[in-house]
Amino acid sequence: QVQLVESGGGLVQAGGSLRLSCAASGLTSWKYTMGWFRQAPGKEREFAACIRWNGGAPYYQDSVKGRVTISSDNAKNTVYLQMNSLKPEDTAVYSCAAASGYSARCGSPAEYAYWGQGTQVTVSS
C-alpha cells in the first residue's frame, strides 16, 4: 500500500518561499506519476504540478508556473515542491498524490489513487 506524508507547510509572508516534501513508502517500482494539488477554503481542489518519478519534463498549472518547481529524489523516496514569490492567493492545503504508471493527464485528480493528508500553507499579505 502506497503511503504519502507531506511536510514543510507553514505561515510565510508574501514574497517568501517554502519547500514542501512528500515522503513516499510502499512503492513497488519507480513507474509512478507524482502530483501536487492544493485546496483553498470553499474552493475545489486545484492542480499545481506533476512529474514522473524517474524524471521527465514536469508540468505546471499556469498560475504557479515560474514560481514553483517540482522535483524528486529517488534515494530518499521524496518528492518536493519548491515555492517562491508566494502570494496570499497561494494559501491552501497542499497535498501530494501518486498514480501508478505514467499518466498522460497528470493534471486531473481522478488519475491518482493515492493521496497524502496534506500540509497547510498560509501566505500573509
C-alpha atoms as a PDB file:
ATOM      1  CA  GLN A   1       0.000   0.000   0.000  1.00  0.00           C
ATOM      2  CA  VAL A   2       1.450   3.368  -1.030  1.00  0.00           C
ATOM      3  CA  GLN A   3       1.542   5.933   1.751  1.00  0.00           C
ATOM      4  CA  LEU A   4       2.345   9.607   1.308  1.00  0.00           C
ATOM      5  CA  VAL A   5       3.255  12.022   4.078  1.00  0.00           C
ATOM      6  CA  GLU A   6       3.612  15.745   3.410  1.00  0.00           C
ATOM      7  CA  SER A   7       5.610  18.220   5.457  1.00  0.00           C
ATOM      8  CA  GLY A   8       7.051  21.702   5.159  1.00  0.00           C
ATOM      9  CA  GLY A   9       3.933  23.837   5.251  1.00  0.00           C
ATOM     10  CA  GLY A  10       3.604  26.875   7.466  1.00  0.00           C
ATOM     11  CA  LEU A  11       2.996  30.585   7.678  1.00  0.00           C
ATOM     12  CA  VAL A  12       5.046  32.831   5.415  1.00  0.00           C
ATOM     13  CA  GLN A  13       4.840  36.451   4.304  1.00  0.00           C
ATOM     14  CA  ALA A  14       4.016  37.361   0.745  1.00  0.00           C
ATOM     15  CA  GLY A  15       7.136  37.136  -1.404  1.00  0.00           C
ATOM     16  CA  GLY A  16       8.602  34.393   0.752  1.00  0.00           C
ATOM     17  CA  SER A  17       9.434  30.782  -0.023  1.00  0.00           C
ATOM     18  CA  LEU A  18       8.592  27.320   1.242  1.00  0.00           C
ATOM     19  CA  ARG A  19       9.684  23.834   0.267  1.00  0.00           C
ATOM     20  CA  LEU A  20       7.129  21.107   0.688  1.00  0.00           C
ATOM     21  CA  SER A  21       8.171  17.476   0.968  1.00  0.00           C
ATOM     22  CA  CYS A  22       6.225  14.313   0.216  1.00  0.00           C
ATOM     23  CA  ALA A  23       7.746  11.148   1.641  1.00  0.00           C
ATOM     24  CA  ALA A  24       6.510   8.027  -0.118  1.00  0.00           C
ATOM     25  CA  SER A  25       6.521   4.450   1.114  1.00  0.00           C
ATOM     26  CA  GLY A  26       5.174   1.217  -0.296  1.00  0.00           C
ATOM     27  CA  LEU A  27       6.208   1.955  -3.867  1.00  0.00           C
ATOM     28  CA  THR A  28       6.608  -1.209  -5.918  1.00  0.00           C
ATOM     29  CA  SER A  29       8.633   0.409  -8.707  1.00  0.00           C
ATOM     30  CA  TRP A  30       9.624   3.848  -9.948  1.00  0.00           C
ATOM     31  CA  LYS A  31       6.854   3.867 -12.534  1.00  0.00           C
ATOM     32  CA  TYR A  32       4.644   6.409 -10.864  1.00  0.00           C
ATOM     33  CA  THR A  33       3.379   9.872 -11.643  1.00  0.00           C
ATOM     34  CA  MET A  34       3.567  12.220  -8.674  1.00  0.00           C
ATOM     35  CA  GLY A  35       1.428  15.306  -8.365  1.00  0.00           C
ATOM     36  CA  TRP A  36       0.886  18.240  -6.047  1.00  0.00           C
ATOM     37  CA  PHE A  37      -2.587  19.663  -5.624  1.00  0.00           C
ATOM     38  CA  ARG A  38      -3.987  22.398  -3.427  1.00  0.00           C
ATOM     39  CA  GLN A  39      -7.355  23.274  -1.985  1.00  0.00           C
ATOM     40  CA  ALA A  40      -8.277  26.648  -0.551  1.00  0.00           C
ATOM     41  CA  PRO A  41     -11.251  27.069   1.797  1.00  0.00           C
ATOM     42  CA  GLY A  42     -14.515  26.998  -0.128  1.00  0.00           C
ATOM     43  CA  LYS A  43     -12.812  26.103  -3.398  1.00  0.00           C
ATOM     44  CA  GLU A  44     -12.323  22.947  -5.378  1.00  0.00           C
ATOM     45  CA  ARG A  45      -9.078  21.033  -5.407  1.00  0.00           C
ATOM     46  CA  GLU A  46      -6.668  22.558  -7.917  1.00  0.00           C
ATOM     47  CA  PHE A  47      -3.706  21.048  -9.727  1.00  0.00           C
ATOM     48  CA  ALA A  48      -0.313  22.636  -9.072  1.00  0.00           C
ATOM     49  CA  ALA A  49       2.436  20.455 -10.566  1.00  0.00           C
ATOM     50  CA  CYS A  50       3.307  16.888 -11.533  1.00  0.00           C
ATOM     51  CA  ILE A  51       6.320  14.821 -12.554  1.00  0.00           C
ATOM     52  CA  ARG A  52       7.164  11.237 -13.434  1.00  0.00           C
ATOM     53  CA  TRP A  53       9.095   9.653 -10.594  1.00  0.00           C
ATOM     54  CA  ASN A  54      12.016   8.619 -12.820  1.00  0.00           C
ATOM     55  CA  GLY A  55      12.362  12.114 -14.251  1.00  0.00           C
ATOM     56  CA  GLY A  56      10.996  13.643 -17.385  1.00  0.00           C
ATOM     57  CA  ALA A  57       9.597  17.072 -18.000  1.00  0.00           C
ATOM     58  CA  PRO A  58       7.474  18.442 -15.174  1.00  0.00           C
ATOM     59  CA  TYR A  59       4.121  20.028 -15.839  1.00  0.00           C
ATOM     60  CA  TYR A  60       2.749  23.086 -14.055  1.00  0.00           C
ATOM     61  CA  GLN A  61      -0.529  24.864 -13.686  1.00  0.00           C
ATOM     62  CA  ASP A  62      -0.339  28.303 -15.280  1.00  0.00           C
ATOM     63  CA  SER A  63      -0.932  30.233 -12.066  1.00  0.00           C
ATOM     64  CA  VAL A  64       2.199  28.791 -10.421  1.00  0.00           C
ATOM     65  CA  LYS A  65       4.463  28.429 -13.464  1.00  0.00           C
ATOM     66  CA  GLY A  66       7.741  30.248 -12.957  1.00  0.00           C
ATOM     67  CA  ARG A  67       7.331  30.350  -9.172  1.00  0.00           C
ATOM     68  CA  VAL A  68       7.154  26.640  -8.379  1.00  0.00           C
ATOM     69  CA  THR A  69       9.500  23.726  -9.042  1.00  0.00           C
ATOM     70  CA  ILE A  70       8.629  20.053  -8.576  1.00  0.00           C
ATOM     71  CA  SER A  71      11.442  17.547  -8.186  1.00  0.00           C
ATOM     72  CA  SER A  72      12.039  14.011  -6.984  1.00  0.00           C
ATOM     73  CA  ASP A  73      14.811  12.294  -5.042  1.00  0.00           C
ATOM     74  CA  ASN A  74      14.741   8.564  -5.648  1.00  0.00           C
ATOM     75  CA  ALA A  75      17.299   7.861  -2.937  1.00  0.00           C
ATOM     76  CA  LYS A  76      15.041   9.483  -0.345  1.00  0.00           C
ATOM     77  CA  ASN A  77      11.707   8.376  -1.837  1.00  0.00           C
ATOM     78  CA  THR A  78      10.674  12.008  -1.619  1.00  0.00           C
ATOM     79  CA  VAL A  79       9.059  14.478  -3.972  1.00  0.00           C
ATOM     80  CA  TYR A  80       9.492  18.195  -3.365  1.00  0.00           C
ATOM     81  CA  LEU A  81       7.589  21.332  -4.257  1.00  0.00           C
ATOM     82  CA  GLN A  82       9.745  24.437  -4.032  1.00  0.00           C
ATOM     83  CA  MET A  83       7.536  27.517  -3.942  1.00  0.00           C
ATOM     84  CA  ASN A  84       8.950  31.026  -4.359  1.00  0.00           C
ATOM     85  CA  SER A  85       7.423  34.503  -4.582  1.00  0.00           C
ATOM     86  CA  LEU A  86       4.427  33.278  -2.644  1.00  0.00           C
ATOM     87  CA  LYS A  87       1.184  35.241  -2.827  1.00  0.00           C
ATOM     88  CA  PRO A  88      -1.795  35.343  -0.437  1.00  0.00           C
ATOM     89  CA  GLU A  89      -3.821  33.515  -3.076  1.00  0.00           C
ATOM     90  CA  ASP A  90      -1.443  30.552  -2.717  1.00  0.00           C
ATOM     91  CA  THR A  91      -2.917  29.920   0.721  1.00  0.00           C
ATOM     92  CA  ALA A  92      -4.325  26.387   0.738  1.00  0.00           C
ATOM     93  CA  VAL A  93      -3.856  22.849   1.968  1.00  0.00           C
ATOM     94  CA  TYR A  94      -1.285  21.255  -0.292  1.00  0.00           C
ATOM     95  CA  SER A  95      -1.480  17.512  -0.911  1.00  0.00           C
ATOM     96  CA  CYS A  96       0.712  15.164  -2.851  1.00  0.00           C
ATOM     97  CA  ALA A  97      -0.671  12.269  -4.828  1.00  0.00           C
ATOM     98  CA  ALA A  98       0.636   9.208  -6.638  1.00  0.00           C
ATOM     99  CA  ALA A  99      -0.647   7.491  -9.748  1.00  0.00           C
ATOM    100  CA  SER A 100       0.573   4.094 -10.879  1.00  0.00           C
ATOM    101  CA  GLY A 101       2.188   4.352 -14.266  1.00  0.00           C
ATOM    102  CA  TYR A 102       2.844   7.380 -16.406  1.00  0.00           C
ATOM    103  CA  SER A 103      -0.292   9.444 -16.632  1.00  0.00           C
ATOM    104  CA  ALA A 104      -0.976  11.478 -19.753  1.00  0.00           C
ATOM    105  CA  ARG A 105      -3.447  13.591 -17.790  1.00  0.00           C
ATOM    106  CA  CYS A 106      -1.435  14.285 -14.676  1.00  0.00           C
ATOM    107  CA  GLY A 107      -3.366  17.483 -14.023  1.00  0.00           C
ATOM    108  CA  SER A 108      -6.543  15.573 -13.233  1.00  0.00           C
ATOM    109  CA  PRO A 109      -7.116  14.443  -9.617  1.00  0.00           C
ATOM    110  CA  ALA A 110      -9.018  11.428 -10.972  1.00  0.00           C
ATOM    111  CA  GLU A 111      -5.738   9.988 -12.257  1.00  0.00           C
ATOM    112  CA  TYR A 112      -4.372   9.499  -8.743  1.00  0.00           C
ATOM    113  CA  ALA A 113      -5.151   6.554  -6.471  1.00  0.00           C
ATOM    114  CA  TYR A 114      -3.026   7.569  -3.504  1.00  0.00           C
ATOM    115  CA  TRP A 115      -3.179  10.793  -1.520  1.00  0.00           C
ATOM    116  CA  GLY A 116      -1.439  12.265   1.477  1.00  0.00           C
ATOM    117  CA  GLN A 117      -3.194  14.086   4.321  1.00  0.00           C
ATOM    118  CA  GLY A 118      -1.972  17.493   3.222  1.00  0.00           C
ATOM    119  CA  THR A 119       0.018  20.321   4.740  1.00  0.00           C
ATOM    120  CA  GLN A 120      -1.285  23.843   5.339  1.00  0.00           C
ATOM    121  CA  VAL A 121       0.372  26.764   3.592  1.00  0.00           C
ATOM    122  CA  THR A 122      -0.689  30.237   4.694  1.00  0.00           C
ATOM    123  CA  VAL A 123       0.675  33.340   2.992  1.00  0.00           C
ATOM    124  CA  SER A 124       0.095  36.631   4.758  1.00  0.00           C
ATOM    125  CA  SER A 125      -0.072  39.947   2.940  1.00  0.00           C
END
